[in-house]
N, C-alpha and C. Protein backbone atom coordinates (compact mmCIF):
# COMPACT_ATOMS: atom_id res chain seq x y z
N UNK A 1 -133.02 -26.96 -18.16
CA UNK A 1 -133.96 -26.87 -19.26
C UNK A 1 -133.18 -26.63 -20.56
N UNK A 2 -133.43 -27.46 -21.55
CA UNK A 2 -132.75 -27.36 -22.83
C UNK A 2 -133.47 -26.36 -23.73
N UNK A 3 -132.68 -25.49 -24.35
CA UNK A 3 -133.25 -24.52 -25.28
C UNK A 3 -133.53 -25.19 -26.61
N UNK A 4 -134.72 -24.96 -27.15
CA UNK A 4 -135.06 -25.53 -28.45
C UNK A 4 -134.69 -24.53 -29.53
N UNK A 5 -134.06 -25.03 -30.56
CA UNK A 5 -133.71 -24.18 -31.70
C UNK A 5 -134.34 -24.75 -32.96
N UNK A 6 -134.61 -23.88 -33.92
CA UNK A 6 -135.25 -24.27 -35.17
C UNK A 6 -134.45 -23.70 -36.33
N UNK A 7 -134.33 -24.47 -37.39
CA UNK A 7 -133.77 -23.93 -38.61
C UNK A 7 -134.87 -23.17 -39.33
N UNK A 8 -134.46 -22.34 -40.27
CA UNK A 8 -135.44 -21.60 -41.05
C UNK A 8 -136.35 -22.57 -41.82
N UNK A 9 -135.78 -23.63 -42.35
CA UNK A 9 -136.59 -24.61 -43.08
C UNK A 9 -137.58 -25.30 -42.16
N UNK A 10 -137.17 -25.63 -40.95
CA UNK A 10 -138.10 -26.25 -39.99
C UNK A 10 -139.25 -25.30 -39.67
N UNK A 11 -138.96 -24.02 -39.53
CA UNK A 11 -140.01 -23.04 -39.28
C UNK A 11 -140.97 -22.96 -40.46
N UNK A 12 -140.43 -22.97 -41.67
CA UNK A 12 -141.29 -22.96 -42.86
C UNK A 12 -142.18 -24.20 -42.91
N UNK A 13 -141.60 -25.34 -42.60
CA UNK A 13 -142.37 -26.59 -42.60
C UNK A 13 -143.48 -26.55 -41.56
N UNK A 14 -143.18 -26.03 -40.38
CA UNK A 14 -144.20 -25.92 -39.33
C UNK A 14 -145.28 -24.91 -39.70
N UNK A 15 -144.91 -23.86 -40.40
CA UNK A 15 -145.90 -22.89 -40.84
C UNK A 15 -146.87 -23.54 -41.84
N UNK A 16 -146.35 -24.38 -42.71
CA UNK A 16 -147.21 -25.12 -43.64
C UNK A 16 -148.15 -26.05 -42.87
N UNK A 17 -147.63 -26.68 -41.84
CA UNK A 17 -148.47 -27.57 -41.02
C UNK A 17 -149.55 -26.77 -40.32
N UNK A 18 -149.20 -25.58 -39.81
CA UNK A 18 -150.15 -24.68 -39.17
C UNK A 18 -151.24 -24.27 -40.16
N UNK A 19 -150.84 -23.95 -41.39
CA UNK A 19 -151.81 -23.58 -42.42
C UNK A 19 -152.80 -24.71 -42.68
N UNK A 20 -152.29 -25.92 -42.78
CA UNK A 20 -153.18 -27.08 -42.99
C UNK A 20 -154.14 -27.24 -41.82
N UNK A 21 -153.64 -27.03 -40.59
CA UNK A 21 -154.50 -27.16 -39.41
C UNK A 21 -155.59 -26.09 -39.40
N UNK A 22 -155.25 -24.87 -39.78
CA UNK A 22 -156.25 -23.80 -39.84
C UNK A 22 -157.35 -24.14 -40.85
N UNK A 23 -156.93 -24.63 -42.02
CA UNK A 23 -157.90 -25.00 -43.05
C UNK A 23 -158.77 -26.16 -42.60
N UNK A 24 -158.15 -27.15 -41.95
CA UNK A 24 -158.90 -28.31 -41.46
C UNK A 24 -159.90 -27.91 -40.38
N UNK A 25 -159.58 -26.83 -39.65
CA UNK A 25 -160.49 -26.35 -38.60
C UNK A 25 -161.60 -25.48 -39.17
N UNK A 26 -161.58 -25.29 -40.49
CA UNK A 26 -162.65 -24.54 -41.14
C UNK A 26 -162.52 -23.03 -41.03
N UNK A 27 -161.30 -22.54 -40.77
CA UNK A 27 -161.11 -21.10 -40.68
C UNK A 27 -161.34 -20.47 -42.05
N UNK A 28 -161.85 -19.25 -42.04
CA UNK A 28 -162.13 -18.53 -43.28
C UNK A 28 -160.81 -18.28 -44.04
N UNK A 29 -160.88 -18.27 -45.37
CA UNK A 29 -159.66 -18.02 -46.15
C UNK A 29 -158.94 -16.74 -45.75
N UNK A 30 -159.68 -15.67 -45.48
CA UNK A 30 -159.01 -14.43 -45.07
C UNK A 30 -158.28 -14.59 -43.74
N UNK A 31 -158.84 -15.37 -42.84
CA UNK A 31 -158.19 -15.62 -41.56
C UNK A 31 -156.90 -16.40 -41.77
N UNK A 32 -156.96 -17.45 -42.57
CA UNK A 32 -155.77 -18.24 -42.88
C UNK A 32 -154.71 -17.36 -43.52
N UNK A 33 -155.12 -16.56 -44.49
CA UNK A 33 -154.17 -15.69 -45.18
C UNK A 33 -153.52 -14.69 -44.22
N UNK A 34 -154.29 -14.16 -43.29
CA UNK A 34 -153.74 -13.21 -42.33
C UNK A 34 -152.73 -13.89 -41.43
N UNK A 35 -153.11 -15.00 -40.81
CA UNK A 35 -152.20 -15.69 -39.89
C UNK A 35 -150.93 -16.14 -40.59
N UNK A 36 -151.10 -16.80 -41.72
CA UNK A 36 -149.96 -17.41 -42.40
C UNK A 36 -149.14 -16.35 -43.15
N UNK A 37 -149.82 -15.42 -43.78
CA UNK A 37 -149.11 -14.40 -44.55
C UNK A 37 -148.19 -13.55 -43.69
N UNK A 38 -148.68 -13.12 -42.54
CA UNK A 38 -147.85 -12.31 -41.64
C UNK A 38 -146.66 -13.12 -41.13
N UNK A 39 -146.90 -14.39 -40.87
CA UNK A 39 -145.81 -15.25 -40.41
C UNK A 39 -144.77 -15.46 -41.49
N UNK A 40 -145.21 -15.58 -42.73
CA UNK A 40 -144.26 -15.73 -43.85
C UNK A 40 -143.39 -14.49 -43.97
N UNK A 41 -143.99 -13.32 -43.78
CA UNK A 41 -143.19 -12.08 -43.83
C UNK A 41 -142.12 -12.11 -42.74
N UNK A 42 -142.50 -12.55 -41.55
CA UNK A 42 -141.53 -12.64 -40.45
C UNK A 42 -140.39 -13.60 -40.81
N UNK A 43 -140.72 -14.74 -41.38
CA UNK A 43 -139.68 -15.69 -41.77
C UNK A 43 -138.77 -15.11 -42.85
N UNK A 44 -139.35 -14.36 -43.77
CA UNK A 44 -138.52 -13.68 -44.78
C UNK A 44 -137.58 -12.69 -44.11
N UNK A 45 -138.08 -11.97 -43.12
CA UNK A 45 -137.25 -11.00 -42.38
C UNK A 45 -136.09 -11.72 -41.69
N UNK A 46 -136.37 -12.87 -41.08
CA UNK A 46 -135.32 -13.65 -40.45
C UNK A 46 -134.24 -14.07 -41.45
N UNK A 47 -134.66 -14.34 -42.67
CA UNK A 47 -133.74 -14.80 -43.72
C UNK A 47 -133.07 -13.64 -44.44
N UNK A 48 -133.26 -12.43 -43.95
CA UNK A 48 -132.74 -11.22 -44.61
C UNK A 48 -133.25 -11.06 -46.03
N UNK A 49 -134.51 -11.45 -46.23
CA UNK A 49 -135.14 -11.36 -47.54
C UNK A 49 -136.32 -10.38 -47.52
N UNK A 50 -136.40 -9.57 -46.48
CA UNK A 50 -137.50 -8.61 -46.35
C UNK A 50 -137.03 -7.42 -45.54
N UNK A 51 -137.37 -6.25 -46.04
CA UNK A 51 -137.06 -5.02 -45.31
C UNK A 51 -138.36 -4.27 -45.10
N UNK A 52 -138.77 -4.03 -43.86
CA UNK A 52 -140.01 -3.28 -43.63
C UNK A 52 -139.91 -1.88 -44.21
N UNK A 53 -141.00 -1.41 -44.75
CA UNK A 53 -141.03 -0.05 -45.32
C UNK A 53 -142.00 0.80 -44.58
């Protein structure tokens, strides 16, 4: 089984695609913001651009 790896940019691109899918599915803006916003924080943490407080 081959391990799949992602670049940070690929993850950001997929997160944008996920956001579009949530909106297309009619999810409430607060729901979209929660799902996507928390994921963006995680990606920032991966990039050493976020420190939890």
